[in-house]
Amino acid sequence: MCYRENVPPLNFDGIHLACLSGDNGNGKSALIDAMTWALWGQTRAKSDDELIHSGQMEMEVEFDFRVGQRCIESYASIPGPSGPEARDRAYWSFNGLRG
């Protein structure tokens, strides 16, 4: 992923329709990958190794959103170097329908 520590969360409050646009390499696909990985544990990547930022050993995604008045929280992480057994170390937490 393109984003590392100390990045403020994206807040889409009040936005009803959004368009991701920008030059190649600006992180549009990384945002979509983060959301789909946090929700379903799958992305367009061939392996979880491709999701970890170059030079980093782990990754995590927190994705919170609302559906009506209900808050949905999703958290996913891969601790340490991944590989064929990455799915055994991956952690997903989905706390749906709070609020």
C-alpha atoms as a PDB file:
ATOM      1  CA  MET A   1       0.000   0.000   0.000  1.00  0.00           C
ATOM      2  CA  CYS A   2       1.108   3.522  -0.587  1.00  0.00           C
ATOM      3  CA  TYR A   3       0.224   4.925   2.794  1.00  0.00           C
ATOM      4  CA  ARG A   4       2.256   4.495   5.947  1.00  0.00           C
ATOM      5  CA  GLU A   5       2.113   5.754   9.525  1.00  0.00           C
ATOM      6  CA  ASN A   6       0.898   9.187  10.602  1.00  0.00           C
ATOM      7  CA  VAL A   7      -1.556   9.614   7.745  1.00  0.00           C
ATOM      8  CA  PRO A   8      -4.795  11.302   8.804  1.00  0.00           C
ATOM      9  CA  PRO A   9      -7.966   9.303   8.095  1.00  0.00           C
ATOM     10  CA  LEU A  10     -10.012  10.144   5.036  1.00  0.00           C
ATOM     11  CA  ASN A  11     -13.358  11.553   6.050  1.00  0.00           C
ATOM     12  CA  PHE A  12     -16.155  11.394   3.504  1.00  0.00           C
ATOM     13  CA  ASP A  13     -18.870  12.807   5.781  1.00  0.00           C
ATOM     14  CA  GLY A  14     -21.358  14.801   3.753  1.00  0.00           C
ATOM     15  CA  ILE A  15     -20.150  13.378   0.436  1.00  0.00           C
ATOM     16  CA  HIS A  16     -22.851  11.455  -1.386  1.00  0.00           C
ATOM     17  CA  LEU A  17     -20.952  10.730  -4.599  1.00  0.00           C
ATOM     18  CA  ALA A  18     -17.180  10.722  -5.002  1.00  0.00           C
ATOM     19  CA  CYS A  19     -14.792  10.297  -7.908  1.00  0.00           C
ATOM     20  CA  LEU A  20     -11.213   9.140  -7.408  1.00  0.00           C
ATOM     21  CA  SER A  21      -9.020  10.871  -9.956  1.00  0.00           C
ATOM     22  CA  GLY A  22      -5.362  11.704 -10.298  1.00  0.00           C
ATOM     23  CA  ASP A  23      -2.128  10.805 -11.991  1.00  0.00           C
ATOM     24  CA  ASN A  24      -0.708   7.295 -12.078  1.00  0.00           C
ATOM     25  CA  GLY A  25       0.834   6.344  -8.745  1.00  0.00           C
ATOM     26  CA  ASN A  26      -1.215   8.765  -6.636  1.00  0.00           C
ATOM     27  CA  GLY A  27      -2.931   5.962  -4.693  1.00  0.00           C
ATOM     28  CA  LYS A  28      -6.367   5.564  -6.265  1.00  0.00           C
ATOM     29  CA  SER A  29      -6.040   1.802  -6.607  1.00  0.00           C
ATOM     30  CA  ALA A  30      -4.435   1.548  -3.161  1.00  0.00           C
ATOM     31  CA  LEU A  31      -7.574   3.063  -1.617  1.00  0.00           C
ATOM     32  CA  ILE A  32      -9.836   0.598  -3.413  1.00  0.00           C
ATOM     33  CA  ASP A  33      -7.509  -2.296  -2.515  1.00  0.00           C
ATOM     34  CA  ALA A  34      -7.547  -1.265   1.155  1.00  0.00           C
ATOM     35  CA  MET A  35     -11.335  -1.109   1.261  1.00  0.00           C
ATOM     36  CA  THR A  36     -11.927  -4.419  -0.534  1.00  0.00           C
ATOM     37  CA  TRP A  37      -9.242  -6.188   1.503  1.00  0.00           C
ATOM     38  CA  ALA A  38     -10.694  -4.886   4.786  1.00  0.00           C
ATOM     39  CA  LEU A  39     -14.217  -5.966   3.792  1.00  0.00           C
ATOM     40  CA  TRP A  40     -13.702  -9.242   1.931  1.00  0.00           C
ATOM     41  CA  GLY A  41     -10.042 -10.219   2.406  1.00  0.00           C
ATOM     42  CA  GLN A  42      -9.475 -10.064  -1.336  1.00  0.00           C
ATOM     43  CA  THR A  43      -8.031  -7.566  -3.791  1.00  0.00           C
ATOM     44  CA  ARG A  44      -6.839  -7.535  -7.374  1.00  0.00           C
ATOM     45  CA  ALA A  45      -3.345  -8.444  -6.112  1.00  0.00           C
ATOM     46  CA  LYS A  46      -2.070 -11.951  -6.804  1.00  0.00           C
ATOM     47  CA  SER A  47      -0.778 -12.275  -3.231  1.00  0.00           C
ATOM     48  CA  ASP A  48      -0.885 -10.397   0.055  1.00  0.00           C
ATOM     49  CA  ASP A  49       2.834  -9.655  -0.449  1.00  0.00           C
ATOM     50  CA  GLU A  50       1.825  -7.144  -3.119  1.00  0.00           C
ATOM     51  CA  LEU A  51      -0.305  -5.251  -0.584  1.00  0.00           C
ATOM     52  CA  ILE A  52       2.564  -4.561   1.827  1.00  0.00           C
ATOM     53  CA  HIS A  53       4.438  -1.339   1.099  1.00  0.00           C
ATOM     54  CA  SER A  54       7.917  -1.913  -0.280  1.00  0.00           C
ATOM     55  CA  GLY A  55      10.422  -2.145   2.563  1.00  0.00           C
ATOM     56  CA  GLN A  56       7.750  -2.766   5.210  1.00  0.00           C
ATOM     57  CA  MET A  57       7.176  -6.015   7.063  1.00  0.00           C
ATOM     58  CA  GLU A  58       3.466  -5.756   7.911  1.00  0.00           C
ATOM     59  CA  MET A  59       0.276  -3.956   7.044  1.00  0.00           C
ATOM     60  CA  GLU A  60      -3.087  -3.045   8.516  1.00  0.00           C
ATOM     61  CA  VAL A  61      -6.287  -1.426   7.339  1.00  0.00           C
ATOM     62  CA  GLU A  62      -9.049   0.151   9.399  1.00  0.00           C
ATOM     63  CA  PHE A  63     -12.231   0.891   7.481  1.00  0.00           C
ATOM     64  CA  ASP A  64     -15.225   2.410   9.262  1.00  0.00           C
ATOM     65  CA  PHE A  65     -18.374   3.519   7.500  1.00  0.00           C
ATOM     66  CA  ARG A  66     -22.049   4.134   8.095  1.00  0.00           C
ATOM     67  CA  VAL A  67     -25.111   2.652   6.491  1.00  0.00           C
ATOM     68  CA  GLY A  68     -27.959   4.855   7.606  1.00  0.00           C
ATOM     69  CA  GLN A  69     -27.461   5.272  11.353  1.00  0.00           C
ATOM     70  CA  ARG A  70     -25.443   2.071  11.737  1.00  0.00           C
ATOM     71  CA  CYS A  71     -21.662   2.098  12.032  1.00  0.00           C
ATOM     72  CA  ILE A  72     -19.705  -0.720  10.391  1.00  0.00           C
ATOM     73  CA  GLU A  73     -16.112  -1.258  11.508  1.00  0.00           C
ATOM     74  CA  SER A  74     -13.654  -3.474   9.669  1.00  0.00           C
ATOM     75  CA  TYR A  75     -10.028  -4.115  10.609  1.00  0.00           C
ATOM     76  CA  ALA A  76      -7.521  -6.312   8.782  1.00  0.00           C
ATOM     77  CA  SER A  77      -3.807  -6.906   9.287  1.00  0.00           C
ATOM     78  CA  ILE A  78      -0.910  -9.108   8.268  1.00  0.00           C
ATOM     79  CA  PRO A  79       1.792  -9.244  10.957  1.00  0.00           C
ATOM     80  CA  GLY A  80       5.327  -9.929   9.796  1.00  0.00           C
ATOM     81  CA  PRO A  81       6.521 -11.064   6.389  1.00  0.00           C
ATOM     82  CA  SER A  82       3.901 -12.813   4.328  1.00  0.00           C
ATOM     83  CA  GLY A  83       4.252 -15.689   1.931  1.00  0.00           C
ATOM     84  CA  PRO A  84       2.280 -18.785   1.024  1.00  0.00           C
ATOM     85  CA  GLU A  85       1.081 -19.076   4.612  1.00  0.00           C
ATOM     86  CA  ALA A  86       0.047 -15.384   4.851  1.00  0.00           C
ATOM     87  CA  ARG A  87      -3.634 -16.275   5.132  1.00  0.00           C
ATOM     88  CA  ASP A  88      -2.812 -18.229   8.302  1.00  0.00           C
ATOM     89  CA  ARG A  89      -1.408 -15.039   9.883  1.00  0.00           C
ATOM     90  CA  ALA A  90      -3.895 -12.556   8.442  1.00  0.00           C
ATOM     91  CA  TYR A  91      -6.435 -11.177  10.886  1.00  0.00           C
ATOM     92  CA  TRP A  92      -9.872  -9.811  10.039  1.00  0.00           C
ATOM     93  CA  SER A  93     -12.299  -8.274  12.466  1.00  0.00           C
ATOM     94  CA  PHE A  94     -15.720  -7.177  11.283  1.00  0.00           C
ATOM     95  CA  ASN A  95     -17.970  -5.423  13.760  1.00  0.00           C
ATOM     96  CA  GLY A  96     -21.155  -4.768  11.878  1.00  0.00           C
ATOM     97  CA  LEU A  97     -24.270  -2.916  12.774  1.00  0.00           C
ATOM     98  CA  ARG A  98     -23.188  -0.911  15.796  1.00  0.00           C
ATOM     99  CA  GLY A  99     -25.109   2.212  16.622  1.00  0.00           C
END
